[in-house]
Amino acid sequence: MSKDTGGSAFPINGEYDEVRGKSSYVSAGMTLRDYFAAKAMSGRAGLKMSRKDMQNMAVRAYDLADAMLEARK
């Protein structure tokens, strides 16, 4: 079973170029899960910490992001 990502956080819609007859680049952007995790880590990002501490913080940030996605349901 795949992890619920919450969909795109910042999707970019393409526009149709009438001169070229095709659509411009379209990006789904980052997932809402990634955005929530990044926000959860932002307050501690400037702190000096070991690699292990950084890895633990990242895991906790995604746990929090998953909880936030669950709360939205």
C-alpha atoms as a PDB file:
ATOM      1  CA  MET A   1       0.000   0.000   0.000  1.00  0.00           C
ATOM      2  CA  SER A   2       1.421   3.382  -0.945  1.00  0.00           C
ATOM      3  CA  LYS A   3       1.685   6.305   1.463  1.00  0.00           C
ATOM      4  CA  ASP A   4      -0.926   9.069   1.215  1.00  0.00           C
ATOM      5  CA  THR A   5       0.942  12.153   0.010  1.00  0.00           C
ATOM      6  CA  GLY A   6      -1.996  14.534   0.132  1.00  0.00           C
ATOM      7  CA  GLY A   7      -1.582  15.411  -3.536  1.00  0.00           C
ATOM      8  CA  SER A   8       0.305  18.390  -4.910  1.00  0.00           C
ATOM      9  CA  ALA A   9       1.078  21.320  -2.625  1.00  0.00           C
ATOM     10  CA  PHE A  10       1.881  23.824  -5.369  1.00  0.00           C
ATOM     11  CA  PRO A  11       0.684  22.596  -8.763  1.00  0.00           C
ATOM     12  CA  ILE A  12       1.535  24.695 -11.804  1.00  0.00           C
ATOM     13  CA  ASN A  13      -0.981  24.698 -14.624  1.00  0.00           C
ATOM     14  CA  GLY A  14       0.334  24.892 -18.128  1.00  0.00           C
ATOM     15  CA  GLU A  15      -0.950  27.319 -20.708  1.00  0.00           C
ATOM     16  CA  TYR A  16      -1.724  26.550 -24.310  1.00  0.00           C
ATOM     17  CA  ASP A  17       0.653  28.291 -26.710  1.00  0.00           C
ATOM     18  CA  GLU A  18      -1.389  29.125 -29.808  1.00  0.00           C
ATOM     19  CA  VAL A  19       1.707  30.001 -31.859  1.00  0.00           C
ATOM     20  CA  ARG A  20       3.447  26.684 -31.212  1.00  0.00           C
ATOM     21  CA  GLY A  21       0.239  24.695 -30.929  1.00  0.00           C
ATOM     22  CA  LYS A  22       1.155  22.941 -27.685  1.00  0.00           C
ATOM     23  CA  SER A  23       0.948  23.292 -23.937  1.00  0.00           C
ATOM     24  CA  SER A  24       3.754  24.717 -21.842  1.00  0.00           C
ATOM     25  CA  TYR A  25       5.499  22.748 -19.096  1.00  0.00           C
ATOM     26  CA  VAL A  26       3.215  21.555 -16.312  1.00  0.00           C
ATOM     27  CA  SER A  27       4.532  20.611 -12.881  1.00  0.00           C
ATOM     28  CA  ALA A  28       2.679  18.908 -10.065  1.00  0.00           C
ATOM     29  CA  GLY A  29       4.983  20.584  -7.545  1.00  0.00           C
ATOM     30  CA  MET A  30       5.991  19.025  -4.245  1.00  0.00           C
ATOM     31  CA  THR A  31       3.567  16.826  -2.357  1.00  0.00           C
ATOM     32  CA  LEU A  32       1.594  18.178   0.552  1.00  0.00           C
ATOM     33  CA  ARG A  33       3.292  15.526   2.733  1.00  0.00           C
ATOM     34  CA  ASP A  34       6.726  16.897   1.790  1.00  0.00           C
ATOM     35  CA  TYR A  35       5.544  20.453   2.461  1.00  0.00           C
ATOM     36  CA  PHE A  36       4.194  19.551   5.899  1.00  0.00           C
ATOM     37  CA  ALA A  37       7.425  17.706   6.765  1.00  0.00           C
ATOM     38  CA  ALA A  38       9.547  20.654   5.650  1.00  0.00           C
ATOM     39  CA  LYS A  39       7.471  23.030   7.764  1.00  0.00           C
ATOM     40  CA  ALA A  40       7.818  20.712  10.754  1.00  0.00           C
ATOM     41  CA  MET A  41      11.615  20.816  10.422  1.00  0.00           C
ATOM     42  CA  SER A  42      11.998  24.510   9.669  1.00  0.00           C
ATOM     43  CA  GLY A  43      12.375  25.660  13.271  1.00  0.00           C
ATOM     44  CA  ARG A  44      15.311  23.343  13.879  1.00  0.00           C
ATOM     45  CA  ALA A  45      17.035  23.574  10.515  1.00  0.00           C
ATOM     46  CA  GLY A  46      19.685  26.040  11.674  1.00  0.00           C
ATOM     47  CA  LEU A  47      20.700  24.098  14.761  1.00  0.00           C
ATOM     48  CA  LYS A  48      24.014  22.323  14.861  1.00  0.00           C
ATOM     49  CA  MET A  49      23.401  18.588  15.157  1.00  0.00           C
ATOM     50  CA  SER A  50      24.892  15.259  14.238  1.00  0.00           C
ATOM     51  CA  ARG A  51      23.960  13.347  11.101  1.00  0.00           C
ATOM     52  CA  LYS A  52      22.073  10.828  13.258  1.00  0.00           C
ATOM     53  CA  ASP A  53      20.102  13.648  14.923  1.00  0.00           C
ATOM     54  CA  MET A  54      19.237  15.067  11.483  1.00  0.00           C
ATOM     55  CA  GLN A  55      18.009  11.675  10.306  1.00  0.00           C
ATOM     56  CA  ASN A  56      15.890  11.267  13.445  1.00  0.00           C
ATOM     57  CA  MET A  57      14.448  14.753  12.977  1.00  0.00           C
ATOM     58  CA  ALA A  58      13.522  13.963   9.357  1.00  0.00           C
ATOM     59  CA  VAL A  59      11.754  10.744  10.393  1.00  0.00           C
ATOM     60  CA  ARG A  60       9.819  12.610  13.103  1.00  0.00           C
ATOM     61  CA  ALA A  61       8.924  15.374  10.638  1.00  0.00           C
ATOM     62  CA  TYR A  62       7.371  12.855   8.231  1.00  0.00           C
ATOM     63  CA  ASP A  63       5.540  11.203  11.145  1.00  0.00           C
ATOM     64  CA  LEU A  64       4.072  14.604  11.958  1.00  0.00           C
ATOM     65  CA  ALA A  65       3.238  15.211   8.285  1.00  0.00           C
ATOM     66  CA  ASP A  66       1.417  11.861   8.167  1.00  0.00           C
ATOM     67  CA  ALA A  67      -0.564  12.839  11.278  1.00  0.00           C
ATOM     68  CA  MET A  68      -1.454  16.178   9.705  1.00  0.00           C
ATOM     69  CA  LEU A  69      -2.692  14.441   6.541  1.00  0.00           C
ATOM     70  CA  GLU A  70      -4.758  12.043   8.659  1.00  0.00           C
ATOM     71  CA  ALA A  71      -6.282  14.965  10.591  1.00  0.00           C
ATOM     72  CA  ARG A  72      -7.441  16.512   7.307  1.00  0.00           C
ATOM     73  CA  LYS A  73      -9.672  13.523   6.488  1.00  0.00           C
END
